[in-house]
Amino acid sequence: MYVVIFRAKTRVLDDEYFKVAERMRELALNQFGCLDFQSTSEGDQEISLSYWPDEHSIRAWKTHSEHVLAQQLGRERWYESYIVQVAHIAREYRVTN
């Protein structure tokens, strides 16, 4: 399993940002094999974690036309800066009570 870590310093986020973000999450989960997608923000800092079965799925998602447009809008309007990290998860532990 892989995780894509997206960390950003945001500018002003408008209504279109939230619509695009929801659409991107929906596409990732329903069309590209994303296993889980979580985002949170505090002040001007945002972090998103998305979990994927393989690198092929991540590449397909990254190059999808709607996602490419969202990336462009992010660079132009919503993000002052960002970093994307892709990591392989070697093991996972879980506790449930």
C-alpha atoms as a PDB file:
ATOM      1  CA  MET A   1       0.000   0.000   0.000  1.00  0.00           C
ATOM      2  CA  TYR A   2       1.105   3.587  -0.680  1.00  0.00           C
ATOM      3  CA  VAL A   3       0.254   6.925   0.873  1.00  0.00           C
ATOM      4  CA  VAL A   4       0.299  10.275  -0.906  1.00  0.00           C
ATOM      5  CA  ILE A   5       0.948  13.097   1.552  1.00  0.00           C
ATOM      6  CA  PHE A   6      -0.080  16.530   0.288  1.00  0.00           C
ATOM      7  CA  ARG A   7       0.921  19.486   2.482  1.00  0.00           C
ATOM      8  CA  ALA A   8       0.107  23.041   1.458  1.00  0.00           C
ATOM      9  CA  LYS A   9       0.200  26.627   2.596  1.00  0.00           C
ATOM     10  CA  THR A  10      -3.114  28.040   1.414  1.00  0.00           C
ATOM     11  CA  ARG A  11      -4.214  31.412   0.178  1.00  0.00           C
ATOM     12  CA  VAL A  12      -7.865  32.453   0.390  1.00  0.00           C
ATOM     13  CA  LEU A  13     -10.109  29.462  -0.294  1.00  0.00           C
ATOM     14  CA  ASP A  14     -13.326  30.297  -2.153  1.00  0.00           C
ATOM     15  CA  ASP A  15     -16.499  28.292  -2.816  1.00  0.00           C
ATOM     16  CA  GLU A  16     -15.047  26.876  -6.029  1.00  0.00           C
ATOM     17  CA  TYR A  17     -12.109  25.435  -4.077  1.00  0.00           C
ATOM     18  CA  PHE A  18     -14.428  23.383  -1.860  1.00  0.00           C
ATOM     19  CA  LYS A  19     -16.431  22.135  -4.862  1.00  0.00           C
ATOM     20  CA  VAL A  20     -13.265  21.125  -6.721  1.00  0.00           C
ATOM     21  CA  ALA A  21     -11.776  19.475  -3.621  1.00  0.00           C
ATOM     22  CA  GLU A  22     -14.923  17.389  -3.100  1.00  0.00           C
ATOM     23  CA  ARG A  23     -14.956  16.369  -6.775  1.00  0.00           C
ATOM     24  CA  MET A  24     -11.278  15.347  -6.649  1.00  0.00           C
ATOM     25  CA  ARG A  25     -11.892  13.248  -3.536  1.00  0.00           C
ATOM     26  CA  GLU A  26     -14.908  11.602  -5.193  1.00  0.00           C
ATOM     27  CA  LEU A  27     -12.925  10.803  -8.363  1.00  0.00           C
ATOM     28  CA  ALA A  28      -9.977   9.391  -6.426  1.00  0.00           C
ATOM     29  CA  LEU A  29     -12.169   7.097  -4.346  1.00  0.00           C
ATOM     30  CA  ASN A  30     -14.649   6.012  -7.010  1.00  0.00           C
ATOM     31  CA  GLN A  31     -12.639   5.867 -10.240  1.00  0.00           C
ATOM     32  CA  PHE A  32      -8.959   5.464  -9.398  1.00  0.00           C
ATOM     33  CA  GLY A  33      -8.820   2.888  -6.631  1.00  0.00           C
ATOM     34  CA  CYS A  34      -8.034   5.215  -3.746  1.00  0.00           C
ATOM     35  CA  LEU A  35      -8.611   3.260  -0.529  1.00  0.00           C
ATOM     36  CA  ASP A  36      -9.058   6.208   1.853  1.00  0.00           C
ATOM     37  CA  PHE A  37      -8.769   9.989   1.633  1.00  0.00           C
ATOM     38  CA  GLN A  38      -8.522  12.285   4.657  1.00  0.00           C
ATOM     39  CA  SER A  39      -7.890  16.046   4.801  1.00  0.00           C
ATOM     40  CA  THR A  40      -7.623  18.629   7.526  1.00  0.00           C
ATOM     41  CA  SER A  41      -6.527  22.223   7.857  1.00  0.00           C
ATOM     42  CA  GLU A  42      -5.411  24.582  10.581  1.00  0.00           C
ATOM     43  CA  GLY A  43      -4.966  28.256   9.806  1.00  0.00           C
ATOM     44  CA  ASP A  44      -3.252  28.458   6.420  1.00  0.00           C
ATOM     45  CA  GLN A  45      -1.875  24.893   6.606  1.00  0.00           C
ATOM     46  CA  GLU A  46      -3.590  21.966   4.897  1.00  0.00           C
ATOM     47  CA  ILE A  47      -2.679  18.293   4.868  1.00  0.00           C
ATOM     48  CA  SER A  48      -4.287  15.472   2.916  1.00  0.00           C
ATOM     49  CA  LEU A  49      -3.493  11.781   3.138  1.00  0.00           C
ATOM     50  CA  SER A  50      -4.681   9.432   0.435  1.00  0.00           C
ATOM     51  CA  TYR A  51      -4.016   5.694   0.476  1.00  0.00           C
ATOM     52  CA  TRP A  52      -3.527   3.679  -2.704  1.00  0.00           C
ATOM     53  CA  PRO A  53      -3.005   0.002  -3.609  1.00  0.00           C
ATOM     54  CA  ASP A  54      -0.162   0.684  -6.074  1.00  0.00           C
ATOM     55  CA  GLU A  55       1.888   3.342  -7.849  1.00  0.00           C
ATOM     56  CA  HIS A  56       0.060   2.774 -11.136  1.00  0.00           C
ATOM     57  CA  SER A  57      -3.194   4.016  -9.552  1.00  0.00           C
ATOM     58  CA  ILE A  58      -1.429   7.098  -8.198  1.00  0.00           C
ATOM     59  CA  ARG A  59       0.045   7.944 -11.625  1.00  0.00           C
ATOM     60  CA  ALA A  60      -3.330   7.466 -13.329  1.00  0.00           C
ATOM     61  CA  TRP A  61      -4.936   9.799 -10.794  1.00  0.00           C
ATOM     62  CA  LYS A  62      -2.157  12.402 -11.130  1.00  0.00           C
ATOM     63  CA  THR A  63      -2.534  12.605 -14.913  1.00  0.00           C
ATOM     64  CA  HIS A  64      -6.348  12.525 -15.158  1.00  0.00           C
ATOM     65  CA  SER A  65      -7.592  15.609 -17.046  1.00  0.00           C
ATOM     66  CA  GLU A  66      -9.852  16.930 -14.259  1.00  0.00           C
ATOM     67  CA  HIS A  67      -7.080  16.489 -11.703  1.00  0.00           C
ATOM     68  CA  VAL A  68      -4.568  18.247 -13.979  1.00  0.00           C
ATOM     69  CA  LEU A  69      -6.948  21.224 -14.206  1.00  0.00           C
ATOM     70  CA  ALA A  70      -7.441  21.211 -10.413  1.00  0.00           C
ATOM     71  CA  GLN A  71      -3.647  21.191  -9.956  1.00  0.00           C
ATOM     72  CA  GLN A  72      -3.342  24.208 -12.244  1.00  0.00           C
ATOM     73  CA  LEU A  73      -6.067  26.104 -10.350  1.00  0.00           C
ATOM     74  CA  GLY A  74      -4.348  25.219  -7.087  1.00  0.00           C
ATOM     75  CA  ARG A  75      -1.036  26.681  -8.239  1.00  0.00           C
ATOM     76  CA  GLU A  76      -2.682  29.808  -9.666  1.00  0.00           C
ATOM     77  CA  ARG A  77      -5.302  30.583  -7.010  1.00  0.00           C
ATOM     78  CA  TRP A  78      -5.436  28.510  -3.846  1.00  0.00           C
ATOM     79  CA  TYR A  79      -1.939  27.458  -2.794  1.00  0.00           C
ATOM     80  CA  GLU A  80       0.994  29.655  -1.908  1.00  0.00           C
ATOM     81  CA  SER A  81       3.162  26.546  -1.838  1.00  0.00           C
ATOM     82  CA  TYR A  82       2.798  22.785  -1.509  1.00  0.00           C
ATOM     83  CA  ILE A  83       4.727  19.551  -1.299  1.00  0.00           C
ATOM     84  CA  VAL A  84       3.662  16.074  -2.389  1.00  0.00           C
ATOM     85  CA  GLN A  85       5.299  12.987  -0.930  1.00  0.00           C
ATOM     86  CA  VAL A  86       4.623   9.399  -1.982  1.00  0.00           C
ATOM     87  CA  ALA A  87       5.587   6.700   0.498  1.00  0.00           C
ATOM     88  CA  HIS A  88       5.310   2.923   0.628  1.00  0.00           C
ATOM     89  CA  ILE A  89       3.690   1.565   3.779  1.00  0.00           C
ATOM     90  CA  ALA A  90       5.692  -1.483   4.839  1.00  0.00           C
ATOM     91  CA  ARG A  91       3.404  -2.500   7.692  1.00  0.00           C
ATOM     92  CA  GLU A  92       0.321  -1.342   9.517  1.00  0.00           C
ATOM     93  CA  TYR A  93      -0.887  -1.932  13.053  1.00  0.00           C
ATOM     94  CA  ARG A  94      -4.445  -1.390  14.186  1.00  0.00           C
ATOM     95  CA  VAL A  95      -6.141  -1.482  17.567  1.00  0.00           C
ATOM     96  CA  THR A  96      -9.905  -1.501  17.946  1.00  0.00           C
ATOM     97  CA  ASN A  97     -11.803  -1.718  21.211  1.00  0.00           C
END
